[in-house]
Amino acid sequence: MPAELSETPTVPDQAAPAGAAPGDAERSGPGGGAVPTPAKGRPRSEAVSQAILEATLDLIAEHENTADVSVEAVAERSGVSKASIYRRWTSKEELIAAAMECIKAPLPADMPRTSLRDDLIHLGHSMTRTYGERDTKVLRCMMLAMKDPEYRRHHDRLVERRRKFVRDTFAYWAERGQVRPDLDLRLAVAMVVSPMLTIYVYGQYAELQAPDAVERIVDALLLGIGTGGPLEAAE
């Protein structure tokens, strides 16, 4: 096994508050609420975490499934100890969910906020990216992995942040009258995100992968929920 990657501290250790009892799990924050006590030991190295995630992705692509990927194999491939892995992720399923999440396009740093249509188009284009051969194989394994309840639990926890981002966008424009007040926001999220994932991430319906596909998806959605798309405006 290769020499383990260094986990050199990147930030100084934080001293315990004066008078704090050893082993206290929580301490009082500025607002009086409980906040976690800093974990003992060295801070986690970002380079080590990335090496673990990359090794996990490599193994998923090689096996073309997640069942045959083990923490032992990830440790061997990444050159770190199993202890280093388990300090970051509590199980193989949580590690795999994190690895799969890290290859997705990041959420936009900001939104236009000029109209619901502009926001959804901006969001859609942020989701479109070119995947290499390895990551394409990993994405194909994702749906198979969803059959595992433990993996799905971690997957759903991670993607909820993305869903909430889109849901908050709809809610923002609902407050400004660009969305029907009775719209099911969770359904709206599925209606806009699912076709984009299907076309751009999972590579289905190749004939729809045109330069204006995002705009066409958004306009069709807006017509369906009555927000004044092109056809409705023309009536």
Protein backbone atom coordinates (compact mmCIF):
# COMPACT_ATOMS: atom_id res chain seq x y z
CA MET A 1 0.00 0.00 0.00
CA PRO A 2 1.39 3.47 -0.85
CA ALA A 3 2.53 5.75 1.93
CA GLU A 4 -0.47 7.48 3.41
CA LEU A 5 -1.13 11.02 2.26
CA SER A 6 -0.29 13.66 4.83
CA GLU A 7 -3.07 15.26 6.82
CA THR A 8 -1.05 18.31 7.80
CA PRO A 9 -3.23 20.82 9.66
CA THR A 10 -4.47 23.66 7.49
CA VAL A 11 -5.94 25.72 10.35
CA PRO A 12 -4.76 26.09 13.94
CA ASP A 13 -6.40 24.02 16.65
CA GLN A 14 -9.02 25.89 18.62
CA ALA A 15 -8.59 26.07 22.36
CA ALA A 16 -11.46 25.00 24.59
CA PRO A 17 -13.38 27.83 26.28
CA ALA A 18 -12.18 28.73 29.75
CA GLY A 19 -13.90 26.64 32.38
CA ALA A 20 -15.19 24.07 29.92
CA ALA A 21 -15.27 20.54 31.26
CA PRO A 22 -13.25 17.93 29.37
CA GLY A 23 -15.43 15.80 27.09
CA ASP A 24 -18.28 18.33 26.83
CA ALA A 25 -20.12 17.56 23.58
CA GLU A 26 -21.52 21.06 23.13
CA ARG A 27 -20.89 24.57 24.30
CA SER A 28 -22.86 27.79 24.25
CA GLY A 29 -22.70 29.92 21.12
CA PRO A 30 -23.04 33.72 20.81
CA GLY A 31 -26.83 33.48 20.77
CA GLY A 32 -27.01 31.14 23.71
CA GLY A 33 -27.61 28.09 21.54
CA ALA A 34 -25.52 24.97 21.69
CA VAL A 35 -22.79 24.58 19.11
CA PRO A 36 -20.52 21.56 18.60
CA THR A 37 -17.22 21.50 20.45
CA PRO A 38 -14.33 21.41 17.94
CA ALA A 39 -13.30 17.82 17.27
CA LYS A 40 -10.04 16.70 18.80
CA GLY A 41 -7.09 15.85 16.61
CA ARG A 42 -5.80 17.32 13.38
CA PRO A 43 -8.10 19.14 10.95
CA ARG A 44 -9.01 17.09 7.91
CA SER A 45 -6.86 17.70 4.84
CA GLU A 46 -8.82 18.67 1.72
CA ALA A 47 -6.22 16.90 -0.44
CA VAL A 48 -6.81 13.65 1.43
CA SER A 49 -10.58 13.96 1.11
CA GLN A 50 -10.27 14.60 -2.62
CA ALA A 51 -7.96 11.61 -3.07
CA ILE A 52 -10.51 9.37 -1.34
CA LEU A 53 -13.38 10.65 -3.48
CA GLU A 54 -11.41 10.27 -6.71
CA ALA A 55 -10.42 6.72 -5.79
CA THR A 56 -14.05 5.90 -5.06
CA LEU A 57 -15.15 7.23 -8.44
CA ASP A 58 -12.39 5.31 -10.22
CA LEU A 59 -13.46 2.04 -8.58
CA ILE A 60 -17.16 2.57 -9.30
CA ALA A 61 -16.35 3.17 -12.97
CA GLU A 62 -14.06 0.13 -13.15
CA HIS A 63 -16.58 -2.22 -11.54
CA GLU A 64 -19.54 -0.48 -13.20
CA ASN A 65 -21.46 -0.94 -9.95
CA THR A 66 -21.21 0.13 -6.34
CA ALA A 67 -21.69 -3.27 -4.71
CA ASP A 68 -18.15 -4.41 -5.55
CA VAL A 69 -16.53 -1.24 -4.19
CA SER A 70 -15.15 -1.67 -0.68
CA VAL A 71 -13.67 0.76 1.81
CA GLU A 72 -10.54 -1.41 1.82
CA ALA A 73 -10.15 -1.00 -1.93
CA VAL A 74 -10.69 2.75 -1.69
CA ALA A 75 -8.02 2.98 1.01
CA GLU A 76 -5.59 0.99 -1.15
CA ARG A 77 -6.29 3.06 -4.26
CA SER A 78 -6.15 6.44 -2.53
CA GLY A 79 -3.13 5.68 -0.37
CA VAL A 80 -4.83 6.53 2.90
CA SER A 81 -5.86 4.42 5.88
CA LYS A 82 -9.37 3.12 6.49
CA ALA A 83 -9.35 5.23 9.67
CA SER A 84 -8.87 8.36 7.55
CA ILE A 85 -11.89 7.40 5.47
CA TYR A 86 -14.11 6.64 8.43
CA ARG A 87 -13.18 9.96 10.04
CA ARG A 88 -14.94 11.60 7.11
CA TRP A 89 -17.73 9.19 6.17
CA THR A 90 -19.39 6.75 8.54
CA SER A 91 -20.08 4.03 5.97
CA LYS A 92 -19.34 2.90 2.43
CA GLU A 93 -22.79 4.08 1.35
CA GLU A 94 -22.20 7.59 2.69
CA LEU A 95 -18.81 7.71 0.94
CA ILE A 96 -20.29 6.61 -2.38
CA ALA A 97 -23.10 9.16 -2.12
CA ALA A 98 -20.56 11.92 -1.45
CA ALA A 99 -18.38 10.81 -4.37
CA MET A 100 -21.30 10.78 -6.77
CA GLU A 101 -22.47 14.17 -5.55
CA CYS A 102 -19.05 15.77 -6.12
CA ILE A 103 -19.09 15.17 -9.88
CA LYS A 104 -22.31 17.15 -10.37
CA ALA A 105 -22.16 20.75 -11.49
CA PRO A 106 -22.15 23.15 -8.53
CA LEU A 107 -25.14 25.32 -7.75
CA PRO A 108 -24.96 28.83 -9.24
CA ALA A 109 -23.26 31.38 -7.01
CA ASP A 110 -26.07 33.84 -7.70
CA MET A 111 -29.24 34.18 -9.76
CA PRO A 112 -30.35 36.94 -12.17
CA ARG A 113 -33.61 37.61 -10.25
CA THR A 114 -34.94 39.49 -13.29
CA SER A 115 -37.77 37.00 -13.89
CA LEU A 116 -38.68 33.41 -13.08
CA ARG A 117 -37.87 32.46 -16.67
CA ASP A 118 -34.42 34.06 -16.50
CA ASP A 119 -33.69 32.33 -13.20
CA LEU A 120 -34.74 28.89 -14.45
CA ILE A 121 -32.75 29.27 -17.67
CA HIS A 122 -29.70 30.35 -15.68
CA LEU A 123 -30.15 27.36 -13.39
CA GLY A 124 -30.62 25.00 -16.34
CA HIS A 125 -27.45 26.13 -18.08
CA SER A 126 -25.53 25.70 -14.81
CA MET A 127 -26.59 22.03 -14.79
CA THR A 128 -25.29 21.31 -18.27
CA ARG A 129 -21.72 20.09 -18.36
CA THR A 130 -19.61 17.64 -20.32
CA TYR A 131 -18.81 14.42 -18.48
CA GLY A 132 -15.77 12.30 -19.22
CA GLU A 133 -15.95 8.55 -19.75
CA ARG A 134 -15.34 7.73 -16.09
CA ASP A 135 -17.97 10.08 -14.71
CA THR A 136 -20.50 8.95 -17.32
CA LYS A 137 -20.07 5.38 -16.08
CA VAL A 138 -20.48 6.55 -12.50
CA LEU A 139 -23.71 8.36 -13.34
CA ARG A 140 -25.09 5.20 -14.92
CA CYS A 141 -24.43 3.38 -11.65
CA MET A 142 -26.29 5.98 -9.65
CA MET A 143 -29.78 4.72 -10.42
CA LEU A 144 -28.79 1.14 -9.61
CA ALA A 145 -27.35 2.28 -6.30
CA MET A 146 -30.70 3.85 -5.41
CA LYS A 147 -32.02 0.35 -4.72
CA ASP A 148 -29.92 0.33 -1.55
CA PRO A 149 -31.93 2.09 1.21
CA GLU A 150 -28.81 3.14 3.11
CA TYR A 151 -27.23 4.70 0.03
CA ARG A 152 -30.52 6.38 -0.88
CA ARG A 153 -30.78 7.92 2.58
CA HIS A 154 -27.41 9.64 2.16
CA HIS A 155 -28.13 10.54 -1.47
CA ASP A 156 -31.44 12.19 -0.58
CA ARG A 157 -29.81 14.15 2.24
CA LEU A 158 -27.19 15.54 -0.15
CA VAL A 159 -29.51 16.39 -3.04
CA GLU A 160 -32.05 18.08 -0.76
CA ARG A 161 -29.79 21.15 -0.74
CA ARG A 162 -30.09 21.32 -4.53
CA ARG A 163 -33.83 20.79 -4.47
CA LYS A 164 -34.27 23.48 -1.85
CA PHE A 165 -32.30 25.92 -4.00
CA VAL A 166 -34.75 25.43 -6.89
CA ARG A 167 -37.75 25.39 -4.54
CA ASP A 168 -36.64 28.70 -3.03
CA THR A 169 -36.40 30.16 -6.53
CA PHE A 170 -40.00 29.24 -7.26
CA ALA A 171 -41.05 30.57 -3.84
CA TYR A 172 -39.27 33.87 -4.52
CA TRP A 173 -41.27 34.42 -7.69
CA ALA A 174 -44.51 33.10 -6.17
CA GLU A 175 -44.31 35.99 -3.72
CA ARG A 176 -44.06 38.33 -6.70
CA GLY A 177 -47.02 36.93 -8.60
CA GLN A 178 -45.14 35.06 -11.35
CA VAL A 179 -46.31 31.65 -10.11
CA ARG A 180 -49.81 30.42 -9.35
CA PRO A 181 -50.41 30.71 -5.59
CA ASP A 182 -51.64 27.10 -5.41
CA LEU A 183 -48.59 25.66 -7.19
CA ASP A 184 -47.04 22.59 -5.55
CA LEU A 185 -43.45 23.81 -5.24
CA ARG A 186 -41.99 20.31 -4.84
CA LEU A 187 -43.72 19.16 -8.01
CA ALA A 188 -42.48 22.26 -9.82
CA VAL A 189 -38.91 21.41 -8.82
CA ALA A 190 -39.29 17.89 -10.23
CA MET A 191 -40.81 19.25 -13.44
CA VAL A 192 -37.89 21.54 -14.18
CA VAL A 193 -34.97 19.50 -12.85
CA SER A 194 -35.91 16.00 -14.03
CA PRO A 195 -35.94 16.67 -17.79
CA MET A 196 -32.64 18.52 -17.58
CA LEU A 197 -31.03 15.67 -15.65
CA THR A 198 -32.46 13.12 -18.08
CA ILE A 199 -31.19 14.96 -21.16
CA TYR A 200 -27.90 16.47 -19.99
CA VAL A 201 -26.69 14.27 -17.14
CA TYR A 202 -27.99 10.82 -18.02
CA GLY A 203 -27.62 11.37 -21.78
CA GLN A 204 -31.12 10.31 -22.82
CA TYR A 205 -33.05 11.85 -25.74
CA ALA A 206 -29.89 12.87 -27.58
CA GLU A 207 -31.99 14.56 -30.27
CA LEU A 208 -33.08 17.15 -27.67
CA GLN A 209 -29.53 18.18 -26.80
CA ALA A 210 -29.75 21.38 -28.84
CA PRO A 211 -28.32 24.80 -27.92
CA ASP A 212 -31.81 26.08 -27.05
CA ALA A 213 -32.99 22.99 -25.16
CA VAL A 214 -32.90 24.67 -21.75
CA GLU A 215 -34.98 27.57 -23.00
CA ARG A 216 -37.50 25.19 -24.61
CA ILE A 217 -37.84 23.15 -21.41
CA VAL A 218 -38.37 26.26 -19.30
CA ASP A 219 -40.91 27.79 -21.69
CA ALA A 220 -42.90 24.55 -21.86
CA LEU A 221 -42.92 24.39 -18.06
CA LEU A 222 -44.02 28.00 -17.66
CA LEU A 223 -46.90 27.46 -20.06
CA GLY A 224 -47.99 24.45 -18.05
CA ILE A 225 -48.12 26.29 -14.71
CA GLY A 226 -49.67 29.45 -16.13
CA THR A 227 -46.95 32.05 -15.62
CA GLY A 228 -47.41 33.80 -18.93
CA GLY A 229 -45.16 31.95 -21.34
CA PRO A 230 -44.95 32.93 -25.05
CA LEU A 231 -48.11 31.15 -26.20
CA GLU A 232 -50.28 32.33 -23.32
CA ALA A 233 -49.05 35.88 -23.73
CA ALA A 234 -50.07 35.80 -27.38
CA GLU A 235 -53.69 34.81 -26.66
